[in-house]
Amino acid sequence: MTSTGNDITYRMSSRAFQDFLAGRITEEQFRHFLGDAEGGSIVGRFLDQGFMISEITFEKGSVDEDDDTLVLRFSKDPAAQSFE
């Protein structure tokens, strides 16, 4: 994960994502692959802080890598923030 001002870039295994969507792994296993803390979702925390997905890209792994990467870019969205 990288953060630059109003943007956050988050990378995840495309294989783990597809296995989760296909029902081959549980939500708990998927969260483990993402590095989520027990009982908390990092993507949920982004939303709570007013960040929404603004772009999704796919990075092909190199010949030496056995997995590709989904890259999610989150940007601040005033509509997603709570009023104070």
PDB file of N, CA and C in Angstrom:
ATOM      1  N   MET A   1       0.839  -1.166   0.000  1.00  0.00           N
ATOM      2  CA  MET A   1       0.000   0.000   0.000  1.00  0.00           C
ATOM      3  C   MET A   1       0.888   1.233   0.000  1.00  0.00           C
ATOM      4  N   THR A   2       0.519   2.185  -0.844  1.00  0.00           N
ATOM      5  CA  THR A   2       1.217   3.465  -0.858  1.00  0.00           C
ATOM      6  C   THR A   2       0.181   4.583  -0.767  1.00  0.00           C
ATOM      7  N   SER A   3       0.588   5.677  -0.166  1.00  0.00           N
ATOM      8  CA  SER A   3      -0.312   6.808   0.015  1.00  0.00           C
ATOM      9  C   SER A   3       0.396   8.079  -0.404  1.00  0.00           C
ATOM     10  N   THR A   4      -0.303   8.873  -1.219  1.00  0.00           N
ATOM     11  CA  THR A   4       0.240  10.163  -1.633  1.00  0.00           C
ATOM     12  C   THR A   4      -0.874  11.202  -1.546  1.00  0.00           C
ATOM     13  N   GLY A   5      -0.905  11.940  -0.461  1.00  0.00           N
ATOM     14  CA  GLY A   5      -1.911  12.991  -0.293  1.00  0.00           C
ATOM     15  C   GLY A   5      -3.327  12.455  -0.256  1.00  0.00           C
ATOM     16  N   ASN A   6      -4.065  12.712  -1.327  1.00  0.00           N
ATOM     17  CA  ASN A   6      -5.470  12.324  -1.381  1.00  0.00           C
ATOM     18  C   ASN A   6      -5.696  11.004  -2.108  1.00  0.00           C
ATOM     19  N   ASP A   7      -4.638  10.256  -2.377  1.00  0.00           N
ATOM     20  CA  ASP A   7      -4.763   8.980  -3.076  1.00  0.00           C
ATOM     21  C   ASP A   7      -4.084   7.863  -2.296  1.00  0.00           C
ATOM     22  N   ILE A   8      -4.665   6.671  -2.379  1.00  0.00           N
ATOM     23  CA  ILE A   8      -4.074   5.469  -1.798  1.00  0.00           C
ATOM     24  C   ILE A   8      -4.038   4.413  -2.897  1.00  0.00           C
ATOM     25  N   THR A   9      -2.902   3.752  -3.046  1.00  0.00           N
ATOM     26  CA  THR A   9      -2.781   2.653  -3.997  1.00  0.00           C
ATOM     27  C   THR A   9      -2.644   1.367  -3.211  1.00  0.00           C
ATOM     28  N   TYR A  10      -3.496   0.400  -3.531  1.00  0.00           N
ATOM     29  CA  TYR A  10      -3.550  -0.867  -2.796  1.00  0.00           C
ATOM     30  C   TYR A  10      -3.453  -2.013  -3.789  1.00  0.00           C
ATOM     31  N   ARG A  11      -2.534  -2.933  -3.552  1.00  0.00           N
ATOM     32  CA  ARG A  11      -2.316  -4.060  -4.459  1.00  0.00           C
ATOM     33  C   ARG A  11      -2.757  -5.361  -3.803  1.00  0.00           C
ATOM     34  N   MET A  12      -3.335  -6.235  -4.637  1.00  0.00           N
ATOM     35  CA  MET A  12      -3.732  -7.547  -4.128  1.00  0.00           C
ATOM     36  C   MET A  12      -3.500  -8.605  -5.200  1.00  0.00           C
ATOM     37  N   SER A  13      -3.332  -9.820  -4.751  1.00  0.00           N
ATOM     38  CA  SER A  13      -3.147 -10.962  -5.631  1.00  0.00           C
ATOM     39  C   SER A  13      -4.403 -11.193  -6.461  1.00  0.00           C
ATOM     40  N   SER A  14      -4.236 -11.238  -7.778  1.00  0.00           N
ATOM     41  CA  SER A  14      -5.397 -11.514  -8.625  1.00  0.00           C
ATOM     42  C   SER A  14      -5.866 -12.959  -8.436  1.00  0.00           C
ATOM     43  N   ARG A  15      -4.945 -13.844  -8.140  1.00  0.00           N
ATOM     44  CA  ARG A  15      -5.315 -15.251  -7.912  1.00  0.00           C
ATOM     45  C   ARG A  15      -6.177 -15.387  -6.654  1.00  0.00           C
ATOM     46  N   ALA A  16      -5.787 -14.720  -5.571  1.00  0.00           N
ATOM     47  CA  ALA A  16      -6.579 -14.786  -4.338  1.00  0.00           C
ATOM     48  C   ALA A  16      -7.959 -14.178  -4.560  1.00  0.00           C
ATOM     49  N   PHE A  17      -8.034 -13.077  -5.302  1.00  0.00           N
ATOM     50  CA  PHE A  17      -9.313 -12.436  -5.590  1.00  0.00           C
ATOM     51  C   PHE A  17     -10.218 -13.363  -6.383  1.00  0.00           C
ATOM     52  N   GLN A  18      -9.672 -14.005  -7.402  1.00  0.00           N
ATOM     53  CA  GLN A  18     -10.466 -14.919  -8.227  1.00  0.00           C
ATOM     54  C   GLN A  18     -10.884 -16.153  -7.429  1.00  0.00           C
ATOM     55  N   ASP A  19      -9.972 -16.684  -6.607  1.00  0.00           N
ATOM     56  CA  ASP A  19     -10.328 -17.832  -5.763  1.00  0.00           C
ATOM     57  C   ASP A  19     -11.460 -17.473  -4.804  1.00  0.00           C
ATOM     58  N   PHE A  20     -11.449 -16.263  -4.263  1.00  0.00           N
ATOM     59  CA  PHE A  20     -12.518 -15.827  -3.366  1.00  0.00           C
ATOM     60  C   PHE A  20     -13.842 -15.717  -4.113  1.00  0.00           C
ATOM     61  N   LEU A  21     -13.822 -15.076  -5.285  1.00  0.00           N
ATOM     62  CA  LEU A  21     -15.049 -14.939  -6.066  1.00  0.00           C
ATOM     63  C   LEU A  21     -15.598 -16.296  -6.492  1.00  0.00           C
ATOM     64  N   ALA A  22     -14.712 -17.252  -6.742  1.00  0.00           N
ATOM     65  CA  ALA A  22     -15.128 -18.594  -7.181  1.00  0.00           C
ATOM     66  C   ALA A  22     -15.569 -19.480  -6.021  1.00  0.00           C
ATOM     67  N   GLY A  23     -15.396 -19.002  -4.789  1.00  0.00           N
ATOM     68  CA  GLY A  23     -15.787 -19.786  -3.626  1.00  0.00           C
ATOM     69  C   GLY A  23     -14.774 -20.841  -3.226  1.00  0.00           C
ATOM     70  N   ARG A  24     -13.568 -20.749  -3.743  1.00  0.00           N
ATOM     71  CA  ARG A  24     -12.518 -21.720  -3.406  1.00  0.00           C
ATOM     72  C   ARG A  24     -11.843 -21.430  -2.078  1.00  0.00           C
ATOM     73  N   ILE A  25     -11.914 -20.170  -1.644  1.00  0.00           N
ATOM     74  CA  ILE A  25     -11.382 -19.810  -0.329  1.00  0.00           C
ATOM     75  C   ILE A  25     -12.454 -19.027   0.408  1.00  0.00           C
ATOM     76  N   THR A  26     -12.378 -19.053   1.725  1.00  0.00           N
ATOM     77  CA  THR A  26     -13.355 -18.344   2.550  1.00  0.00           C
ATOM     78  C   THR A  26     -12.994 -16.867   2.651  1.00  0.00           C
ATOM     79  N   GLU A  27     -13.933 -16.087   3.179  1.00  0.00           N
ATOM     80  CA  GLU A  27     -13.654 -14.667   3.412  1.00  0.00           C
ATOM     81  C   GLU A  27     -12.481 -14.521   4.377  1.00  0.00           C
ATOM     82  N   GLU A  28     -12.434 -15.364   5.378  1.00  0.00           N
ATOM     83  CA  GLU A  28     -11.339 -15.312   6.349  1.00  0.00           C
ATOM     84  C   GLU A  28      -9.987 -15.561   5.671  1.00  0.00           C
ATOM     85  N   GLN A  29      -9.939 -16.549   4.792  1.00  0.00           N
ATOM     86  CA  GLN A  29      -8.695 -16.829   4.068  1.00  0.00           C
ATOM     87  C   GLN A  29      -8.326 -15.651   3.160  1.00  0.00           C
ATOM     88  N   PHE A  30      -9.311 -15.088   2.486  1.00  0.00           N
ATOM     89  CA  PHE A  30      -9.067 -13.947   1.602  1.00  0.00           C
ATOM     90  C   PHE A  30      -8.523 -12.765   2.390  1.00  0.00           C
ATOM     91  N   ARG A  31      -9.121 -12.492   3.551  1.00  0.00           N
ATOM     92  CA  ARG A  31      -8.632 -11.400   4.397  1.00  0.00           C
ATOM     93  C   ARG A  31      -7.187 -11.647   4.829  1.00  0.00           C
ATOM     94  N   HIS A  32      -6.862 -12.905   5.087  1.00  0.00           N
ATOM     95  CA  HIS A  32      -5.484 -13.249   5.457  1.00  0.00           C
ATOM     96  C   HIS A  32      -4.531 -12.900   4.316  1.00  0.00           C
ATOM     97  N   PHE A  33      -4.911 -13.243   3.076  1.00  0.00           N
ATOM     98  CA  PHE A  33      -4.076 -12.915   1.919  1.00  0.00           C
ATOM     99  C   PHE A  33      -3.906 -11.409   1.760  1.00  0.00           C
ATOM    100  N   LEU A  34      -4.953 -10.653   2.125  1.00  0.00           N
ATOM    101  CA  LEU A  34      -4.892  -9.197   2.012  1.00  0.00           C
ATOM    102  C   LEU A  34      -4.109  -8.550   3.143  1.00  0.00           C
ATOM    103  N   GLY A  35      -3.893  -9.300   4.218  1.00  0.00           N
ATOM    104  CA  GLY A  35      -3.185  -8.743   5.355  1.00  0.00           C
ATOM    105  C   GLY A  35      -4.088  -7.969   6.288  1.00  0.00           C
ATOM    106  N   ASP A  36      -5.409  -8.188   6.189  1.00  0.00           N
ATOM    107  CA  ASP A  36      -6.350  -7.501   7.076  1.00  0.00           C
ATOM    108  C   ASP A  36      -6.185  -7.979   8.504  1.00  0.00           C
ATOM    109  N   ALA A  37      -6.334  -7.051   9.417  1.00  0.00           N
ATOM    110  CA  ALA A  37      -6.330  -7.401  10.834  1.00  0.00           C
ATOM    111  C   ALA A  37      -7.617  -8.154  11.149  1.00  0.00           C
ATOM    112  N   GLU A  38      -7.545  -9.017  12.127  1.00  0.00           N
ATOM    113  CA  GLU A  38      -8.715  -9.790  12.492  1.00  0.00           C
ATOM    114  C   GLU A  38      -9.859  -8.862  12.888  1.00  0.00           C
ATOM    115  N   GLY A  39     -11.007  -9.067  12.255  1.00  0.00           N
ATOM    116  CA  GLY A  39     -12.178  -8.263  12.578  1.00  0.00           C
ATOM    117  C   GLY A  39     -12.217  -6.906  11.890  1.00  0.00           C
ATOM    118  N   GLY A  40     -11.235  -6.587  11.080  1.00  0.00           N
ATOM    119  CA  GLY A  40     -11.240  -5.286  10.425  1.00  0.00           C
ATOM    120  C   GLY A  40     -10.828  -5.387   8.974  1.00  0.00           C
ATOM    121  N   SER A  41     -11.452  -4.607   8.151  1.00  0.00           N
ATOM    122  CA  SER A  41     -11.162  -4.589   6.724  1.00  0.00           C
ATOM    123  C   SER A  41     -10.432  -3.306   6.372  1.00  0.00           C
ATOM    124  N   ILE A  42      -9.308  -3.427   5.711  1.00  0.00           N
ATOM    125  CA  ILE A  42      -8.559  -2.236   5.329  1.00  0.00           C
ATOM    126  C   ILE A  42      -9.347  -1.411   4.322  1.00  0.00           C
ATOM    127  N   VAL A  43     -10.047  -2.077   3.410  1.00  0.00           N
ATOM    128  CA  VAL A  43     -10.860  -1.357   2.436  1.00  0.00           C
ATOM    129  C   VAL A  43     -12.008  -0.647   3.154  1.00  0.00           C
ATOM    130  N   GLY A  44     -12.564  -1.273   4.187  1.00  0.00           N
ATOM    131  CA  GLY A  44     -13.594  -0.630   5.002  1.00  0.00           C
ATOM    132  C   GLY A  44     -13.066   0.614   5.698  1.00  0.00           C
ATOM    133  N   ARG A  45     -11.834   0.545   6.168  1.00  0.00           N
ATOM    134  CA  ARG A  45     -11.229   1.716   6.814  1.00  0.00           C
ATOM    135  C   ARG A  45     -11.025   2.839   5.801  1.00  0.00           C
ATOM    136  N   PHE A  46     -10.632   2.476   4.567  1.00  0.00           N
ATOM    137  CA  PHE A  46     -10.497   3.504   3.526  1.00  0.00           C
ATOM    138  C   PHE A  46     -11.838   4.217   3.331  1.00  0.00           C
ATOM    139  N   LEU A  47     -12.920   3.435   3.236  1.00  0.00           N
ATOM    140  CA  LEU A  47     -14.252   4.014   3.041  1.00  0.00           C
ATOM    141  C   LEU A  47     -14.627   4.901   4.221  1.00  0.00           C
ATOM    142  N   ASP A  48     -14.357   4.435   5.431  1.00  0.00           N
ATOM    143  CA  ASP A  48     -14.657   5.231   6.627  1.00  0.00           C
ATOM    144  C   ASP A  48     -13.912   6.561   6.625  1.00  0.00           C
ATOM    145  N   GLN A  49     -12.753   6.591   5.988  1.00  0.00           N
ATOM    146  CA  GLN A  49     -11.944   7.820   5.931  1.00  0.00           C
ATOM    147  C   GLN A  49     -12.293   8.677   4.715  1.00  0.00           C
ATOM    148  N   GLY A  50     -13.290   8.249   3.936  1.00  0.00           N
ATOM    149  CA  GLY A  50     -13.739   9.052   2.800  1.00  0.00           C
ATOM    150  C   GLY A  50     -13.059   8.729   1.483  1.00  0.00           C
ATOM    151  N   PHE A  51     -12.410   7.575   1.393  1.00  0.00           N
ATOM    152  CA  PHE A  51     -11.764   7.175   0.148  1.00  0.00           C
ATOM    153  C   PHE A  51     -12.658   6.205  -0.619  1.00  0.00           C
ATOM    154  N   MET A  52     -12.817   6.450  -1.920  1.00  0.00           N
ATOM    155  CA  MET A  52     -13.592   5.583  -2.798  1.00  0.00           C
ATOM    156  C   MET A  52     -12.673   5.060  -3.910  1.00  0.00           C
ATOM    157  N   ILE A  53     -13.007   3.892  -4.446  1.00  0.00           N
ATOM    158  CA  ILE A  53     -12.217   3.362  -5.565  1.00  0.00           C
ATOM    159  C   ILE A  53     -12.394   4.305  -6.753  1.00  0.00           C
ATOM    160  N   SER A  54     -11.265   4.755  -7.302  1.00  0.00           N
ATOM    161  CA  SER A  54     -11.310   5.659  -8.448  1.00  0.00           C
ATOM    162  C   SER A  54     -10.723   5.021  -9.701  1.00  0.00           C
ATOM    163  N   GLU A  55      -9.978   3.925  -9.516  1.00  0.00           N
ATOM    164  CA  GLU A  55      -9.357   3.266 -10.680  1.00  0.00           C
ATOM    165  C   GLU A  55      -8.933   1.854 -10.281  1.00  0.00           C
ATOM    166  N   ILE A  56      -9.109   0.924 -11.209  1.00  0.00           N
ATOM    167  CA  ILE A  56      -8.627  -0.442 -11.020  1.00  0.00           C
ATOM    168  C   ILE A  56      -7.820  -0.816 -12.254  1.00  0.00           C
ATOM    169  N   THR A  57      -6.598  -1.288 -12.027  1.00  0.00           N
ATOM    170  CA  THR A  57      -5.760  -1.730 -13.135  1.00  0.00           C
ATOM    171  C   THR A  57      -5.234  -3.129 -12.845  1.00  0.00           C
ATOM    172  N   PHE A  58      -4.668  -3.736 -13.853  1.00  0.00           N
ATOM    173  CA  PHE A  58      -4.148  -5.098 -13.765  1.00  0.00           C
ATOM    174  C   PHE A  58      -2.678  -5.066 -14.145  1.00  0.00           C
ATOM    175  N   GLU A  59      -1.821  -5.589 -13.268  1.00  0.00           N
ATOM    176  CA  GLU A  59      -0.389  -5.668 -13.564  1.00  0.00           C
ATOM    177  C   GLU A  59      -0.029  -7.123 -13.790  1.00  0.00           C
ATOM    178  N   LYS A  60       0.415  -7.414 -14.974  1.00  0.00           N
ATOM    179  CA  LYS A  60       0.846  -8.763 -15.327  1.00  0.00           C
ATOM    180  C   LYS A  60       2.141  -9.070 -14.598  1.00  0.00           C
ATOM    181  N   GLY A  61       2.218 -10.238 -13.982  1.00  0.00           N
ATOM    182  CA  GLY A  61       3.443 -10.661 -13.310  1.00  0.00           C
ATOM    183  C   GLY A  61       4.536 -10.964 -14.313  1.00  0.00           C
ATOM    184  N   SER A  62       5.772 -10.857 -13.881  1.00  0.00           N
ATOM    185  CA  SER A  62       6.888 -11.158 -14.772  1.00  0.00           C
ATOM    186  C   SER A  62       7.034 -12.668 -14.918  1.00  0.00           C
ATOM    187  N   VAL A  63       7.949 -13.086 -15.733  1.00  0.00           N
ATOM    188  CA  VAL A  63       8.189 -14.510 -15.975  1.00  0.00           C
ATOM    189  C   VAL A  63       8.547 -15.225 -14.674  1.00  0.00           C
ATOM    190  N   ASP A  64       9.218 -14.526 -13.761  1.00  0.00           N
ATOM    191  CA  ASP A  64       9.657 -15.132 -12.505  1.00  0.00           C
ATOM    192  C   ASP A  64       8.577 -15.133 -11.421  1.00  0.00           C
ATOM    193  N   GLU A  65       7.446 -14.479 -11.675  1.00  0.00           N
ATOM    194  CA  GLU A  65       6.378 -14.414 -10.688  1.00  0.00           C
ATOM    195  C   GLU A  65       5.255 -15.353 -11.100  1.00  0.00           C
ATOM    196  N   ASP A  66       4.608 -15.957 -10.111  1.00  0.00           N
ATOM    197  CA  ASP A  66       3.538 -16.894 -10.428  1.00  0.00           C
ATOM    198  C   ASP A  66       2.150 -16.292 -10.236  1.00  0.00           C
ATOM    199  N   ASP A  67       2.057 -14.968 -10.071  1.00  0.00           N
ATOM    200  CA  ASP A  67       0.777 -14.335  -9.843  1.00  0.00           C
ATOM    201  C   ASP A  67       0.776 -12.941 -10.454  1.00  0.00           C
ATOM    202  N   ASP A  68      -0.412 -12.499 -10.846  1.00  0.00           N
ATOM    203  CA  ASP A  68      -0.602 -11.141 -11.323  1.00  0.00           C
ATOM    204  C   ASP A  68      -1.194 -10.315 -10.186  1.00  0.00           C
ATOM    205  N   THR A  69      -1.302  -9.011 -10.395  1.00  0.00           N
ATOM    206  CA  THR A  69      -1.727  -8.122  -9.328  1.00  0.00           C
ATOM    207  C   THR A  69      -2.865  -7.218  -9.778  1.00  0.00           C
ATOM    208  N   LEU A  70      -3.878  -7.109  -8.934  1.00  0.00           N
ATOM    209  CA  LEU A  70      -4.911  -6.097  -9.118  1.00  0.00           C
ATOM    210  C   LEU A  70      -4.464  -4.866  -8.342  1.00  0.00           C
ATOM    211  N   VAL A  71      -4.526  -3.716  -8.978  1.00  0.00           N
ATOM    212  CA  VAL A  71      -4.112  -2.473  -8.337  1.00  0.00           C
ATOM    213  C   VAL A  71      -5.346  -1.586  -8.208  1.00  0.00           C
ATOM    214  N   LEU A  72      -5.709  -1.295  -6.977  1.00  0.00           N
ATOM    215  CA  LEU A  72      -6.861  -0.438  -6.703  1.00  0.00           C
ATOM    216  C   LEU A  72      -6.363   0.921  -6.246  1.00  0.00           C
ATOM    217  N   ARG A  73      -6.857   1.961  -6.891  1.00  0.00           N
ATOM    218  CA  ARG A  73      -6.511   3.325  -6.490  1.00  0.00           C
ATOM    219  C   ARG A  73      -7.744   3.925  -5.824  1.00  0.00           C
ATOM    220  N   PHE A  74      -7.557   4.451  -4.629  1.00  0.00           N
ATOM    221  CA  PHE A  74      -8.617   5.094  -3.866  1.00  0.00           C
ATOM    222  C   PHE A  74      -8.325   6.588  -3.813  1.00  0.00           C
ATOM    223  N   SER A  75      -9.364   7.388  -4.010  1.00  0.00           N
ATOM    224  CA  SER A  75      -9.220   8.845  -3.941  1.00  0.00           C
ATOM    225  C   SER A  75     -10.249   9.398  -2.967  1.00  0.00           C
ATOM    226  N   LYS A  76      -9.906  10.530  -2.334  1.00  0.00           N
ATOM    227  CA  LYS A  76     -10.836  11.189  -1.425  1.00  0.00           C
ATOM    228  C   LYS A  76     -12.097  11.577  -2.190  1.00  0.00           C
ATOM    229  N   ASP A  77     -13.231  11.303  -1.588  1.00  0.00           N
ATOM    230  CA  ASP A  77     -14.519  11.649  -2.175  1.00  0.00           C
ATOM    231  C   ASP A  77     -15.357  12.321  -1.100  1.00  0.00           C
ATOM    232  N   PRO A  78     -15.620  13.629  -1.243  1.00  0.00           N
ATOM    233  CA  PRO A  78     -16.391  14.342  -0.215  1.00  0.00           C
ATOM    234  C   PRO A  78     -17.732  13.691   0.090  1.00  0.00           C
ATOM    235  N   ALA A  79     -18.358  13.042  -0.892  1.00  0.00           N
ATOM    236  CA  ALA A  79     -19.649  12.409  -0.675  1.00  0.00           C
ATOM    237  C   ALA A  79     -19.557  11.181   0.221  1.00  0.00           C
ATOM    238  N   ALA A  80     -18.359  10.608   0.344  1.00  0.00           N
ATOM    239  CA  ALA A  80     -18.163   9.409   1.172  1.00  0.00           C
ATOM    240  C   ALA A  80     -17.769   9.745   2.596  1.00  0.00           C
ATOM    241  N   GLN A  81     -17.532  11.015   2.862  1.00  0.00           N
ATOM    242  CA  GLN A  81     -17.095  11.428   4.204  1.00  0.00           C
ATOM    243  C   GLN A  81     -18.293  11.815   5.050  1.00  0.00           C
ATOM    244  N   SER A  82     -18.160  11.598   6.352  1.00  0.00           N
ATOM    245  CA  SER A  82     -19.229  11.997   7.252  1.00  0.00           C
ATOM    246  C   SER A  82     -19.153  13.503   7.498  1.00  0.00           C
ATOM    247  N   PHE A  83     -20.312  14.094   7.747  1.00  0.00           N
ATOM    248  CA  PHE A  83     -20.358  15.517   8.044  1.00  0.00           C
ATOM    249  C   PHE A  83     -19.900  15.752   9.468  1.00  0.00           C
ATOM    250  N   GLU A  84     -19.172  16.832   9.665  1.00  0.00           N
ATOM    251  CA  GLU A  84     -18.701  17.160  11.018  1.00  0.00           C
ATOM    252  C   GLU A  84     -19.171  18.527  11.418  1.00  0.00           C
TER     253      GLU A  84
END
